[in-house]
Amino acid sequence: MSVSRAVSELEKRGLIRLRNSEYCILDFVGLTDIVEE
């Protein structure tokens, strides 16, 4: 799964929120790696 696709899934689930081009993790549920560019 690509990072962008994973991010989209997380956003849809409300786990993270895209703000100022940075990913703010609001909740961590079973995620093993969040890739930051």
PDB file of N, CA and C in Angstrom:
ATOM      1  N   MET A   1       0.859  -1.200   0.000  1.00  0.00           N
ATOM      2  CA  MET A   1       0.000   0.000   0.000  1.00  0.00           C
ATOM      3  C   MET A   1       0.885   1.237   0.000  1.00  0.00           C
ATOM      4  N   SER A   2       0.594   2.148  -0.894  1.00  0.00           N
ATOM      5  CA  SER A   2       1.392   3.363  -0.966  1.00  0.00           C
ATOM      6  C   SER A   2       1.097   4.276   0.220  1.00  0.00           C
ATOM      7  N   VAL A   3       2.025   5.150   0.507  1.00  0.00           N
ATOM      8  CA  VAL A   3       1.848   6.075   1.628  1.00  0.00           C
ATOM      9  C   VAL A   3       0.632   6.957   1.410  1.00  0.00           C
ATOM     10  N   SER A   4       0.516   7.499   0.204  1.00  0.00           N
ATOM     11  CA  SER A   4      -0.604   8.402  -0.059  1.00  0.00           C
ATOM     12  C   SER A   4      -1.942   7.692   0.100  1.00  0.00           C
ATOM     13  N   ARG A   5      -2.002   6.429  -0.322  1.00  0.00           N
ATOM     14  CA  ARG A   5      -3.248   5.682  -0.187  1.00  0.00           C
ATOM     15  C   ARG A   5      -3.536   5.393   1.286  1.00  0.00           C
ATOM     16  N   ALA A   6      -2.488   5.042   2.024  1.00  0.00           N
ATOM     17  CA  ALA A   6      -2.653   4.786   3.453  1.00  0.00           C
ATOM     18  C   ALA A   6      -3.143   6.038   4.167  1.00  0.00           C
ATOM     19  N   VAL A   7      -2.561   7.177   3.802  1.00  0.00           N
ATOM     20  CA  VAL A   7      -2.962   8.447   4.399  1.00  0.00           C
ATOM     21  C   VAL A   7      -4.424   8.743   4.100  1.00  0.00           C
ATOM     22  N   SER A   8      -4.834   8.480   2.866  1.00  0.00           N
ATOM     23  CA  SER A   8      -6.230   8.716   2.490  1.00  0.00           C
ATOM     24  C   SER A   8      -7.162   7.857   3.336  1.00  0.00           C
ATOM     25  N   GLU A   9      -6.790   6.594   3.543  1.00  0.00           N
ATOM     26  CA  GLU A   9      -7.598   5.702   4.363  1.00  0.00           C
ATOM     27  C   GLU A   9      -7.694   6.222   5.791  1.00  0.00           C
ATOM     28  N   LEU A  10      -6.570   6.663   6.329  1.00  0.00           N
ATOM     29  CA  LEU A  10      -6.558   7.168   7.707  1.00  0.00           C
ATOM     30  C   LEU A  10      -7.409   8.414   7.831  1.00  0.00           C
ATOM     31  N   GLU A  11      -7.321   9.278   6.833  1.00  0.00           N
ATOM     32  CA  GLU A  11      -8.117  10.505   6.861  1.00  0.00           C
ATOM     33  C   GLU A  11      -9.603  10.178   6.842  1.00  0.00           C
ATOM     34  N   LYS A  12      -9.985   9.196   6.014  1.00  0.00           N
ATOM     35  CA  LYS A  12     -11.393   8.822   5.926  1.00  0.00           C
ATOM     36  C   LYS A  12     -11.878   8.271   7.254  1.00  0.00           C
ATOM     37  N   ARG A  13     -10.986   7.578   7.972  1.00  0.00           N
ATOM     38  CA  ARG A  13     -11.363   7.004   9.262  1.00  0.00           C
ATOM     39  C   ARG A  13     -11.265   8.022  10.393  1.00  0.00           C
ATOM     40  N   GLY A  14     -10.802   9.221  10.062  1.00  0.00           N
ATOM     41  CA  GLY A  14     -10.704  10.274  11.068  1.00  0.00           C
ATOM     42  C   GLY A  14      -9.558  10.089  12.039  1.00  0.00           C
ATOM     43  N   LEU A  15      -8.566   9.295  11.641  1.00  0.00           N
ATOM     44  CA  LEU A  15      -7.455   9.037  12.556  1.00  0.00           C
ATOM     45  C   LEU A  15      -6.407  10.136  12.487  1.00  0.00           C
ATOM     46  N   ILE A  16      -6.300  10.739  11.312  1.00  0.00           N
ATOM     47  CA  ILE A  16      -5.338  11.831  11.182  1.00  0.00           C
ATOM     48  C   ILE A  16      -5.991  12.986  10.447  1.00  0.00           C
ATOM     49  N   ARG A  17      -5.415  14.127  10.551  1.00  0.00           N
ATOM     50  CA  ARG A  17      -5.955  15.305   9.892  1.00  0.00           C
ATOM     51  C   ARG A  17      -4.819  16.026   9.182  1.00  0.00           C
ATOM     52  N   LEU A  18      -5.049  16.359   7.918  1.00  0.00           N
ATOM     53  CA  LEU A  18      -4.011  17.060   7.158  1.00  0.00           C
ATOM     54  C   LEU A  18      -4.107  18.550   7.460  1.00  0.00           C
ATOM     55  N   ARG A  19      -3.026  19.096   7.985  1.00  0.00           N
ATOM     56  CA  ARG A  19      -3.032  20.500   8.384  1.00  0.00           C
ATOM     57  C   ARG A  19      -1.675  21.118   8.075  1.00  0.00           C
ATOM     58  N   ASN A  20      -1.681  22.206   7.308  1.00  0.00           N
ATOM     59  CA  ASN A  20      -0.435  22.900   6.965  1.00  0.00           C
ATOM     60  C   ASN A  20       0.585  21.957   6.326  1.00  0.00           C
ATOM     61  N   SER A  21       0.088  21.055   5.463  1.00  0.00           N
ATOM     62  CA  SER A  21       0.951  20.118   4.745  1.00  0.00           C
ATOM     63  C   SER A  21       1.699  19.160   5.660  1.00  0.00           C
ATOM     64  N   GLU A  22       1.241  19.028   6.884  1.00  0.00           N
ATOM     65  CA  GLU A  22       1.864  18.069   7.785  1.00  0.00           C
ATOM     66  C   GLU A  22       0.785  17.179   8.362  1.00  0.00           C
ATOM     67  N   TYR A  23       1.118  15.909   8.563  1.00  0.00           N
ATOM     68  CA  TYR A  23       0.139  14.981   9.081  1.00  0.00           C
ATOM     69  C   TYR A  23       0.144  15.009  10.606  1.00  0.00           C
ATOM     70  N   CYS A  24      -0.993  15.364  11.186  1.00  0.00           N
ATOM     71  CA  CYS A  24      -1.107  15.374  12.637  1.00  0.00           C
ATOM     72  C   CYS A  24      -1.848  14.108  13.047  1.00  0.00           C
ATOM     73  N   ILE A  25      -1.188  13.244  13.762  1.00  0.00           N
ATOM     74  CA  ILE A  25      -1.817  12.003  14.180  1.00  0.00           C
ATOM     75  C   ILE A  25      -2.727  12.277  15.369  1.00  0.00           C
ATOM     76  N   LEU A  26      -4.029  12.074  15.160  1.00  0.00           N
ATOM     77  CA  LEU A  26      -4.984  12.319  16.230  1.00  0.00           C
ATOM     78  C   LEU A  26      -5.180  11.065  17.064  1.00  0.00           C
ATOM     79  N   ASP A  27      -5.007   9.903  16.407  1.00  0.00           N
ATOM     80  CA  ASP A  27      -5.185   8.650  17.125  1.00  0.00           C
ATOM     81  C   ASP A  27      -4.287   7.606  16.489  1.00  0.00           C
ATOM     82  N   PHE A  28      -3.867   6.618  17.247  1.00  0.00           N
ATOM     83  CA  PHE A  28      -2.959   5.603  16.740  1.00  0.00           C
ATOM     84  C   PHE A  28      -3.574   4.241  17.013  1.00  0.00           C
ATOM     85  N   VAL A  29      -4.124   3.652  15.951  1.00  0.00           N
ATOM     86  CA  VAL A  29      -4.812   2.372  16.135  1.00  0.00           C
ATOM     87  C   VAL A  29      -4.251   1.329  15.182  1.00  0.00           C
ATOM     88  N   GLY A  30      -3.374   0.491  15.685  1.00  0.00           N
ATOM     89  CA  GLY A  30      -2.838  -0.596  14.880  1.00  0.00           C
ATOM     90  C   GLY A  30      -1.957  -0.156  13.734  1.00  0.00           C
ATOM     91  N   LEU A  31      -1.405   1.044  13.817  1.00  0.00           N
ATOM     92  CA  LEU A  31      -0.535   1.526  12.743  1.00  0.00           C
ATOM     93  C   LEU A  31       0.913   1.290  13.151  1.00  0.00           C
ATOM     94  N   THR A  32       1.674   0.741  12.233  1.00  0.00           N
ATOM     95  CA  THR A  32       3.055   0.422  12.596  1.00  0.00           C
ATOM     96  C   THR A  32       4.044   1.446  12.084  1.00  0.00           C
ATOM     97  N   ASP A  33       3.681   2.131  10.985  1.00  0.00           N
ATOM     98  CA  ASP A  33       4.633   3.122  10.475  1.00  0.00           C
ATOM     99  C   ASP A  33       3.922   4.242   9.747  1.00  0.00           C
ATOM    100  N   ILE A  34       4.186   5.450  10.187  1.00  0.00           N
ATOM    101  CA  ILE A  34       3.678   6.639   9.514  1.00  0.00           C
ATOM    102  C   ILE A  34       4.885   7.286   8.841  1.00  0.00           C
ATOM    103  N   VAL A  35       4.780   7.438   7.527  1.00  0.00           N
ATOM    104  CA  VAL A  35       5.918   7.980   6.788  1.00  0.00           C
ATOM    105  C   VAL A  35       5.735   9.477   6.587  1.00  0.00           C
ATOM    106  N   GLU A  36       6.707  10.242   7.035  1.00  0.00           N
ATOM    107  CA  GLU A  36       6.677  11.690   6.848  1.00  0.00           C
ATOM    108  C   GLU A  36       7.659  12.057   5.764  1.00  0.00           C
ATOM    109  N   GLU A  37       7.237  12.889   4.855  1.00  0.00           N
ATOM    110  CA  GLU A  37       8.131  13.309   3.781  1.00  0.00           C
ATOM    111  C   GLU A  37       8.984  14.490   4.225  1.00  0.00           C
TER     112      GLU A  37
END
